PDB file of N, CA and C in Angstrom:
ATOM      1  N   MET A   1       5.752 -49.802  32.672  1.00  0.00           N
ATOM      2  CA  MET A   1       6.806 -50.551  31.855  1.00  0.00           C
ATOM      3  C   MET A   1       7.265 -51.835  32.717  1.00  0.00           C
ATOM      4  N   ILE A   2       7.437 -52.881  31.977  1.00  0.00           N
ATOM      5  CA  ILE A   2       7.843 -54.181  32.624  1.00  0.00           C
ATOM      6  C   ILE A   2       9.337 -54.271  32.471  1.00  0.00           C
ATOM      7  N   SER A   3       9.957 -54.622  33.501  1.00  0.00           N
ATOM      8  CA  SER A   3      11.453 -54.873  33.506  1.00  0.00           C
ATOM      9  C   SER A   3      11.883 -55.934  32.521  1.00  0.00           C
ATOM     10  N   GLN A   4      12.997 -55.732  32.012  1.00  0.00           N
ATOM     11  CA  GLN A   4      13.639 -56.692  31.104  1.00  0.00           C
ATOM     12  C   GLN A   4      13.761 -58.055  31.796  1.00  0.00           C
ATOM     13  N   GLU A   5      14.127 -58.004  33.026  1.00  0.00           N
ATOM     14  CA  GLU A   5      14.272 -59.242  33.726  1.00  0.00           C
ATOM     15  C   GLU A   5      12.985 -60.056  33.879  1.00  0.00           C
ATOM     16  N   LEU A   6      11.889 -59.312  34.099  1.00  0.00           N
ATOM     17  CA  LEU A   6      10.656 -59.954  34.213  1.00  0.00           C
ATOM     18  C   LEU A   6      10.181 -60.571  32.776  1.00  0.00           C
ATOM     19  N   CYS A   7      10.436 -59.781  31.791  1.00  0.00           N
ATOM     20  CA  CYS A   7      10.153 -60.217  30.486  1.00  0.00           C
ATOM     21  C   CYS A   7      10.893 -61.550  30.152  1.00  0.00           C
ATOM     22  N   ALA A   8      12.117 -61.595  30.551  1.00  0.00           N
ATOM     23  CA  ALA A   8      12.986 -62.763  30.363  1.00  0.00           C
ATOM     24  C   ALA A   8      12.437 -64.017  31.143  1.00  0.00           C
ATOM     25  N   ILE A   9      12.032 -63.742  32.318  1.00  0.00           N
ATOM     26  CA  ILE A   9      11.472 -64.826  33.114  1.00  0.00           C
ATOM     27  C   ILE A   9      10.261 -65.470  32.537  1.00  0.00           C
ATOM     28  N   ILE A  10       9.341 -64.627  32.033  1.00  0.00           N
ATOM     29  CA  ILE A  10       8.097 -65.113  31.462  1.00  0.00           C
ATOM     30  C   ILE A  10       8.236 -65.504  30.019  1.00  0.00           C
ATOM     31  N   GLY A  11       9.344 -65.070  29.346  1.00  0.00           N
ATOM     32  CA  GLY A  11       9.530 -65.536  28.095  1.00  0.00           C
ATOM     33  C   GLY A  11       9.076 -64.599  27.041  1.00  0.00           C
ATOM     34  N   ALA A  12       8.861 -63.366  27.270  1.00  0.00           N
ATOM     35  CA  ALA A  12       8.401 -62.285  26.306  1.00  0.00           C
ATOM     36  C   ALA A  12       9.689 -61.604  25.849  1.00  0.00           C
ATOM     37  N   ALA A  13       9.657 -61.153  24.610  1.00  0.00           N
ATOM     38  CA  ALA A  13      10.812 -60.423  24.040  1.00  0.00           C
ATOM     39  C   ALA A  13      11.045 -59.014  24.672  1.00  0.00           C
ATOM     40  N   ASP A  14       9.932 -58.369  24.893  1.00  0.00           N
ATOM     41  CA  ASP A  14       9.982 -57.056  25.576  1.00  0.00           C
ATOM     42  C   ASP A  14       8.588 -56.715  26.085  1.00  0.00           C
ATOM     43  N   ASP A  15       8.485 -55.511  26.754  1.00  0.00           N
ATOM     44  CA  ASP A  15       7.226 -55.182  27.461  1.00  0.00           C
ATOM     45  C   ASP A  15       6.095 -54.894  26.345  1.00  0.00           C
ATOM     46  N   ASN A  16       6.471 -54.603  25.158  1.00  0.00           N
ATOM     47  CA  ASN A  16       5.441 -54.295  24.157  1.00  0.00           C
ATOM     48  C   ASN A  16       4.801 -55.540  23.567  1.00  0.00           C
ATOM     49  N   SER A  17       5.526 -56.736  23.756  1.00  0.00           N
ATOM     50  CA  SER A  17       4.975 -57.914  23.299  1.00  0.00           C
ATOM     51  C   SER A  17       4.359 -58.904  24.370  1.00  0.00           C
ATOM     52  N   VAL A  18       4.312 -58.413  25.492  1.00  0.00           N
ATOM     53  CA  VAL A  18       3.882 -59.325  26.666  1.00  0.00           C
ATOM     54  C   VAL A  18       2.493 -59.794  26.419  1.00  0.00           C
ATOM     55  N   LEU A  19       1.574 -58.998  26.109  1.00  0.00           N
ATOM     56  CA  LEU A  19       0.118 -59.489  25.896  1.00  0.00           C
ATOM     57  C   LEU A  19      -0.045 -60.443  24.698  1.00  0.00           C
ATOM     58  N   ASP A  20       0.713 -60.170  23.562  1.00  0.00           N
ATOM     59  CA  ASP A  20       0.674 -60.978  22.460  1.00  0.00           C
ATOM     60  C   ASP A  20       1.303 -62.403  22.777  1.00  0.00           C
ATOM     61  N   THR A  21       2.459 -62.284  23.512  1.00  0.00           N
ATOM     62  CA  THR A  21       3.106 -63.537  23.848  1.00  0.00           C
ATOM     63  C   THR A  21       2.297 -64.366  24.819  1.00  0.00           C
ATOM     64  N   LEU A  22       1.627 -63.734  25.785  1.00  0.00           N
ATOM     65  CA  LEU A  22       0.844 -64.410  26.783  1.00  0.00           C
ATOM     66  C   LEU A  22      -0.323 -65.103  26.050  1.00  0.00           C
ATOM     67  N   ALA A  23      -0.945 -64.424  25.033  1.00  0.00           N
ATOM     68  CA  ALA A  23      -2.133 -64.991  24.355  1.00  0.00           C
ATOM     69  C   ALA A  23      -1.689 -66.092  23.354  1.00  0.00           C
ATOM     70  N   SER A  24      -0.506 -66.136  22.972  1.00  0.00           N
ATOM     71  CA  SER A  24      -0.163 -67.141  21.976  1.00  0.00           C
ATOM     72  C   SER A  24       0.829 -68.311  22.472  1.00  0.00           C
ATOM     73  N   ASN A  25       1.166 -68.287  23.631  1.00  0.00           N
ATOM     74  CA  ASN A  25       2.157 -69.269  24.166  1.00  0.00           C
ATOM     75  C   ASN A  25       1.777 -69.777  25.531  1.00  0.00           C
ATOM     76  N   GLU A  26       1.362 -71.030  25.514  1.00  0.00           N
ATOM     77  CA  GLU A  26       0.907 -71.699  26.811  1.00  0.00           C
ATOM     78  C   GLU A  26       1.977 -71.711  27.877  1.00  0.00           C
ATOM     79  N   THR A  27       3.205 -71.952  27.538  1.00  0.00           N
ATOM     80  CA  THR A  27       4.278 -71.961  28.558  1.00  0.00           C
ATOM     81  C   THR A  27       4.476 -70.625  29.197  1.00  0.00           C
ATOM     82  N   VAL A  28       4.429 -69.576  28.376  1.00  0.00           N
ATOM     83  CA  VAL A  28       4.605 -68.204  28.831  1.00  0.00           C
ATOM     84  C   VAL A  28       3.412 -67.900  29.778  1.00  0.00           C
ATOM     85  N   SER A  29       2.267 -68.289  29.290  1.00  0.00           N
ATOM     86  CA  SER A  29       1.034 -67.993  30.177  1.00  0.00           C
ATOM     87  C   SER A  29       1.145 -68.621  31.529  1.00  0.00           C
ATOM     88  N   THR A  30       1.542 -69.922  31.482  1.00  0.00           N
ATOM     89  CA  THR A  30       1.811 -70.630  32.787  1.00  0.00           C
ATOM     90  C   THR A  30       2.801 -70.028  33.658  1.00  0.00           C
ATOM     91  N   ASN A  31       3.970 -69.569  33.022  1.00  0.00           N
ATOM     92  CA  ASN A  31       5.003 -68.888  33.849  1.00  0.00           C
ATOM     93  C   ASN A  31       4.479 -67.538  34.485  1.00  0.00           C
ATOM     94  N   ALA A  32       3.651 -66.911  33.689  1.00  0.00           N
ATOM     95  CA  ALA A  32       3.083 -65.593  34.196  1.00  0.00           C
ATOM     96  C   ALA A  32       2.171 -65.896  35.400  1.00  0.00           C
ATOM     97  N   LEU A  33       1.343 -66.952  35.332  1.00  0.00           N
ATOM     98  CA  LEU A  33       0.470 -67.280  36.391  1.00  0.00           C
ATOM     99  C   LEU A  33       1.329 -67.717  37.579  1.00  0.00           C
ATOM    100  N   LEU A  34       2.354 -68.528  37.389  1.00  0.00           N
ATOM    101  CA  LEU A  34       3.237 -68.937  38.498  1.00  0.00           C
ATOM    102  C   LEU A  34       3.864 -67.675  39.130  1.00  0.00           C
ATOM    103  N   LEU A  35       4.251 -66.731  38.288  1.00  0.00           N
ATOM    104  CA  LEU A  35       4.927 -65.544  38.876  1.00  0.00           C
ATOM    105  C   LEU A  35       3.892 -64.719  39.693  1.00  0.00           C
ATOM    106  N   ILE A  36       2.647 -64.725  39.409  1.00  0.00           N
ATOM    107  CA  ILE A  36       1.606 -64.118  40.148  1.00  0.00           C
ATOM    108  C   ILE A  36       1.486 -64.863  41.505  1.00  0.00           C
ATOM    109  N   ARG A  37       1.395 -66.205  41.394  1.00  0.00           N
ATOM    110  CA  ARG A  37       1.418 -67.012  42.612  1.00  0.00           C
ATOM    111  C   ARG A  37       2.599 -66.779  43.587  1.00  0.00           C
ATOM    112  N   LEU A  38       3.740 -66.670  42.909  1.00  0.00           N
ATOM    113  CA  LEU A  38       4.984 -66.434  43.672  1.00  0.00           C
ATOM    114  C   LEU A  38       4.908 -65.123  44.410  1.00  0.00           C
ATOM    115  N   HIS A  39       4.414 -64.078  43.647  1.00  0.00           N
ATOM    116  CA  HIS A  39       4.320 -62.722  44.358  1.00  0.00           C
ATOM    117  C   HIS A  39       3.378 -62.810  45.508  1.00  0.00           C
ATOM    118  N   SER A  40       2.205 -63.533  45.379  1.00  0.00           N
ATOM    119  CA  SER A  40       1.310 -63.551  46.431  1.00  0.00           C
ATOM    120  C   SER A  40       1.867 -64.341  47.646  1.00  0.00           C
ATOM    121  N   LEU A  41       2.488 -65.479  47.376  1.00  0.00           N
ATOM    122  CA  LEU A  41       3.115 -66.195  48.504  1.00  0.00           C
ATOM    123  C   LEU A  41       4.264 -65.463  49.178  1.00  0.00           C
ATOM    124  N   LEU A  42       5.157 -64.861  48.419  1.00  0.00           N
ATOM    125  CA  LEU A  42       6.273 -64.182  48.961  1.00  0.00           C
ATOM    126  C   LEU A  42       5.805 -62.877  49.769  1.00  0.00           C
ATOM    127  N   THR A  43       4.826 -62.252  49.240  1.00  0.00           N
ATOM    128  CA  THR A  43       4.302 -61.035  49.981  1.00  0.00           C
ATOM    129  C   THR A  43       3.725 -61.455  51.276  1.00  0.00           C
ATOM    130  N   GLY A  44       2.975 -62.559  51.333  1.00  0.00           N
ATOM    131  CA  GLY A  44       2.503 -63.104  52.580  1.00  0.00           C
ATOM    132  C   GLY A  44       3.563 -63.539  53.556  1.00  0.00           C
ATOM    133  N   LEU A  45       4.565 -64.272  53.060  1.00  0.00           N
ATOM    134  CA  LEU A  45       5.621 -64.760  53.951  1.00  0.00           C
ATOM    135  C   LEU A  45       6.494 -63.672  54.400  1.00  0.00           C
ATOM    136  N   ALA A  46       6.613 -62.591  53.659  1.00  0.00           N
ATOM    137  CA  ALA A  46       7.532 -61.454  54.020  1.00  0.00           C
ATOM    138  C   ALA A  46       6.638 -60.442  54.810  1.00  0.00           C
ATOM    139  N   GLY A  47       5.450 -60.738  55.119  1.00  0.00           N
ATOM    140  CA  GLY A  47       4.641 -59.826  55.875  1.00  0.00           C
ATOM    141  C   GLY A  47       4.390 -58.493  55.129  1.00  0.00           C
ATOM    142  N   GLY A  48       4.366 -58.508  53.855  1.00  0.00           N
ATOM    143  CA  GLY A  48       4.142 -57.327  53.123  1.00  0.00           C
ATOM    144  C   GLY A  48       5.340 -56.437  52.928  1.00  0.00           C
ATOM    145  N   ASN A  49       6.483 -56.904  53.476  1.00  0.00           N
ATOM    146  CA  ASN A  49       7.692 -56.050  53.390  1.00  0.00           C
ATOM    147  C   ASN A  49       8.442 -56.387  52.067  1.00  0.00           C
ATOM    148  N   ALA A  50       8.303 -55.299  51.106  1.00  0.00           N
ATOM    149  CA  ALA A  50       8.902 -55.441  49.753  1.00  0.00           C
ATOM    150  C   ALA A  50      10.349 -55.670  49.870  1.00  0.00           C
ATOM    151  N   GLY A  51      11.025 -54.874  50.780  1.00  0.00           N
ATOM    152  CA  GLY A  51      12.496 -54.978  50.919  1.00  0.00           C
ATOM    153  C   GLY A  51      12.883 -56.410  51.266  1.00  0.00           C
ATOM    154  N   ALA A  52      12.132 -57.004  52.269  1.00  0.00           N
ATOM    155  CA  ALA A  52      12.487 -58.398  52.699  1.00  0.00           C
ATOM    156  C   ALA A  52      12.245 -59.381  51.550  1.00  0.00           C
ATOM    157  N   ALA A  53      11.222 -59.139  50.857  1.00  0.00           N
ATOM    158  CA  ALA A  53      10.918 -60.069  49.634  1.00  0.00           C
ATOM    159  C   ALA A  53      12.058 -60.018  48.567  1.00  0.00           C
ATOM    160  N   ALA A  54      12.433 -58.718  48.303  1.00  0.00           N
ATOM    161  CA  ALA A  54      13.486 -58.558  47.322  1.00  0.00           C
ATOM    162  C   ALA A  54      14.790 -59.137  47.805  1.00  0.00           C
ATOM    163  N   SER A  55      15.044 -58.978  49.055  1.00  0.00           N
ATOM    164  CA  SER A  55      16.271 -59.620  49.613  1.00  0.00           C
ATOM    165  C   SER A  55      16.264 -61.143  49.498  1.00  0.00           C
ATOM    166  N   TRP A  56      15.120 -61.696  49.832  1.00  0.00           N
ATOM    167  CA  TRP A  56      15.040 -63.178  49.793  1.00  0.00           C
ATOM    168  C   TRP A  56      15.213 -63.666  48.330  1.00  0.00           C
ATOM    169  N   LEU A  57      14.649 -62.935  47.252  1.00  0.00           N
ATOM    170  CA  LEU A  57      14.851 -63.351  45.937  1.00  0.00           C
ATOM    171  C   LEU A  57      16.271 -63.339  45.515  1.00  0.00           C
ATOM    172  N   LYS A  58      17.050 -62.415  46.080  1.00  0.00           N
ATOM    173  CA  LYS A  58      18.448 -62.220  45.716  1.00  0.00           C
ATOM    174  C   LYS A  58      19.453 -63.023  46.458  1.00  0.00           C
ATOM    175  N   SER A  59      18.972 -63.540  47.638  1.00  0.00           N
ATOM    176  CA  SER A  59      19.893 -64.315  48.498  1.00  0.00           C
ATOM    177  C   SER A  59      19.937 -65.789  48.226  1.00  0.00           C
ATOM    178  N   TYR A  60      21.077 -66.428  48.500  1.00  0.00           N
ATOM    179  CA  TYR A  60      21.284 -67.831  48.234  1.00  0.00           C
ATOM    180  C   TYR A  60      20.359 -68.569  49.242  1.00  0.00           C
ATOM    181  N   ASN A  61      19.661 -69.596  48.708  1.00  0.00           N
ATOM    182  CA  ASN A  61      18.818 -70.444  49.503  1.00  0.00           C
ATOM    183  C   ASN A  61      19.310 -71.862  49.482  1.00  0.00           C
ATOM    184  N   VAL A  62      19.647 -72.363  50.697  1.00  0.00           N
ATOM    185  CA  VAL A  62      20.212 -73.681  50.802  1.00  0.00           C
ATOM    186  C   VAL A  62      19.356 -74.783  50.295  1.00  0.00           C
ATOM    187  N   ILE A  63      18.042 -74.686  50.547  1.00  0.00           N
ATOM    188  CA  ILE A  63      17.133 -75.689  50.161  1.00  0.00           C
ATOM    189  C   ILE A  63      17.036 -75.741  48.617  1.00  0.00           C
ATOM    190  N   LEU A  64      16.943 -74.563  48.024  1.00  0.00           N
ATOM    191  CA  LEU A  64      16.827 -74.489  46.539  1.00  0.00           C
ATOM    192  C   LEU A  64      18.224 -74.706  45.811  1.00  0.00           C
ATOM    193  N   ASP A  65      19.255 -74.570  46.592  1.00  0.00           N
ATOM    194  CA  ASP A  65      20.583 -74.605  46.122  1.00  0.00           C
ATOM    195  C   ASP A  65      20.891 -73.626  45.039  1.00  0.00           C
ATOM    196  N   ALA A  66      20.281 -72.418  45.178  1.00  0.00           N
ATOM    197  CA  ALA A  66      20.499 -71.278  44.175  1.00  0.00           C
ATOM    198  C   ALA A  66      19.793 -69.995  44.811  1.00  0.00           C
ATOM    199  N   ARG A  67      20.115 -68.938  44.138  1.00  0.00           N
ATOM    200  CA  ARG A  67      19.329 -67.736  44.472  1.00  0.00           C
ATOM    201  C   ARG A  67      17.996 -67.838  43.740  1.00  0.00           C
ATOM    202  N   PRO A  68      16.924 -67.627  44.387  1.00  0.00           N
ATOM    203  CA  PRO A  68      15.593 -67.803  43.702  1.00  0.00           C
ATOM    204  C   PRO A  68      15.452 -67.019  42.408  1.00  0.00           C
ATOM    205  N   LEU A  69      15.869 -65.776  42.461  1.00  0.00           N
ATOM    206  CA  LEU A  69      15.736 -64.988  41.240  1.00  0.00           C
ATOM    207  C   LEU A  69      16.533 -65.547  40.053  1.00  0.00           C
ATOM    208  N   GLU A  70      17.691 -66.113  40.301  1.00  0.00           N
ATOM    209  CA  GLU A  70      18.477 -66.759  39.265  1.00  0.00           C
ATOM    210  C   GLU A  70      17.773 -68.055  38.778  1.00  0.00           C
ATOM    211  N   LEU A  71      17.262 -68.763  39.747  1.00  0.00           N
ATOM    212  CA  LEU A  71      16.630 -70.060  39.467  1.00  0.00           C
ATOM    213  C   LEU A  71      15.375 -69.805  38.592  1.00  0.00           C
ATOM    214  N   MET A  72      14.712 -68.598  38.793  1.00  0.00           N
ATOM    215  CA  MET A  72      13.498 -68.407  38.017  1.00  0.00           C
ATOM    216  C   MET A  72      13.785 -68.236  36.534  1.00  0.00           C
ATOM    217  N   HIS A  73      15.057 -68.006  36.144  1.00  0.00           N
ATOM    218  CA  HIS A  73      15.351 -67.884  34.653  1.00  0.00           C
ATOM    219  C   HIS A  73      15.382 -69.252  34.022  1.00  0.00           C
ATOM    220  N   GLN A  74      15.472 -70.300  34.825  1.00  0.00           N
ATOM    221  CA  GLN A  74      15.577 -71.657  34.183  1.00  0.00           C
ATOM    222  C   GLN A  74      14.106 -72.128  33.856  1.00  0.00           C
ATOM    223  N   PRO A  75      14.025 -73.099  32.922  1.00  0.00           N
ATOM    224  CA  PRO A  75      12.701 -73.569  32.422  1.00  0.00           C
ATOM    225  C   PRO A  75      11.784 -73.950  33.573  1.00  0.00           C
ATOM    226  N   VAL A  76      12.198 -74.765  34.594  1.00  0.00           N
ATOM    227  CA  VAL A  76      11.277 -75.129  35.626  1.00  0.00           C
ATOM    228  C   VAL A  76      11.544 -74.362  36.911  1.00  0.00           C
ATOM    229  N   GLY A  77      12.335 -73.330  36.805  1.00  0.00           N
ATOM    230  CA  GLY A  77      12.757 -72.656  38.034  1.00  0.00           C
ATOM    231  C   GLY A  77      11.601 -71.932  38.821  1.00  0.00           C
ATOM    232  N   ILE A  78      10.676 -71.264  37.994  1.00  0.00           N
ATOM    233  CA  ILE A  78       9.702 -70.663  38.774  1.00  0.00           C
ATOM    234  C   ILE A  78       8.769 -71.658  39.488  1.00  0.00           C
ATOM    235  N   LYS A  79       8.497 -72.774  38.960  1.00  0.00           N
ATOM    236  CA  LYS A  79       7.691 -73.743  39.576  1.00  0.00           C
ATOM    237  C   LYS A  79       8.396 -74.305  40.839  1.00  0.00           C
ATOM    238  N   ARG A  80       9.770 -74.406  40.815  1.00  0.00           N
ATOM    239  CA  ARG A  80      10.463 -74.950  41.938  1.00  0.00           C
ATOM    240  C   ARG A  80      10.425 -73.885  43.093  1.00  0.00           C
ATOM    241  N   VAL A  81      10.542 -72.588  42.720  1.00  0.00           N
ATOM    242  CA  VAL A  81      10.477 -71.541  43.791  1.00  0.00           C
ATOM    243  C   VAL A  81       9.077 -71.481  44.391  1.00  0.00           C
ATOM    244  N   VAL A  82       8.005 -71.579  43.486  1.00  0.00           N
ATOM    245  CA  VAL A  82       6.665 -71.590  44.001  1.00  0.00           C
ATOM    246  C   VAL A  82       6.359 -72.785  44.878  1.00  0.00           C
ATOM    247  N   ASP A  83       6.778 -73.864  44.461  1.00  0.00           N
ATOM    248  CA  ASP A  83       6.663 -75.076  45.197  1.00  0.00           C
ATOM    249  C   ASP A  83       7.266 -74.945  46.628  1.00  0.00           C
ATOM    250  N   TYR A  84       8.455 -74.380  46.713  1.00  0.00           N
ATOM    251  CA  TYR A  84       9.200 -74.151  47.956  1.00  0.00           C
ATOM    252  C   TYR A  84       8.436 -73.146  48.836  1.00  0.00           C
ATOM    253  N   LEU A  85       7.924 -72.025  48.221  1.00  0.00           N
ATOM    254  CA  LEU A  85       7.142 -71.072  48.951  1.00  0.00           C
ATOM    255  C   LEU A  85       5.900 -71.623  49.498  1.00  0.00           C
ATOM    256  N   GLU A  86       5.220 -72.418  48.688  1.00  0.00           N
ATOM    257  CA  GLU A  86       3.972 -73.130  49.112  1.00  0.00           C
ATOM    258  C   GLU A  86       4.258 -74.067  50.326  1.00  0.00           C
ATOM    259  N   SER A  87       5.393 -74.687  50.334  1.00  0.00           N
ATOM    260  CA  SER A  87       5.757 -75.623  51.417  1.00  0.00           C
ATOM    261  C   SER A  87       5.967 -74.800  52.674  1.00  0.00           C
ATOM    262  N   ARG A  88       6.510 -73.608  52.549  1.00  0.00           N
ATOM    263  CA  ARG A  88       6.810 -72.718  53.727  1.00  0.00           C
ATOM    264  C   ARG A  88       5.490 -72.067  54.185  1.00  0.00           C
ATOM    265  N   SER A  89       4.525 -71.903  53.441  1.00  0.00           N
ATOM    266  CA  SER A  89       3.384 -71.273  53.893  1.00  0.00           C
ATOM    267  C   SER A  89       2.350 -72.166  54.537  1.00  0.00           C
ATOM    268  N   ARG A  90       2.493 -73.515  54.394  1.00  0.00           N
ATOM    269  CA  ARG A  90       1.545 -74.402  54.998  1.00  0.00           C
ATOM    270  C   ARG A  90       1.759 -74.466  56.486  1.00  0.00           C
ATOM    271  N   PRO A  91       0.645 -74.607  57.257  1.00  0.00           N
ATOM    272  CA  PRO A  91       0.717 -74.599  58.737  1.00  0.00           C
ATOM    273  C   PRO A  91       1.319 -75.906  59.246  1.00  0.00           C
TER     274      PRO A  91
END
């Protein structure tokens, strides 16, 4: 079962409609791909520690000027968070 918050972030009404929504909506598909990228980057930066990753998502970030999880609910928020994480993962 997909959480309601995750459905809201990617733009699906509920977990039963995720696949239909992904297939028919380019924006939702893009957000889903960005969410997968975000998970990959954050997992790497947190050293695989799910607790640390969850804490980071819920904590205020000075550079983003928001809590990442809250920012992700905005239209370009996932992209901003992914861009930030990509900048942090570069050598």
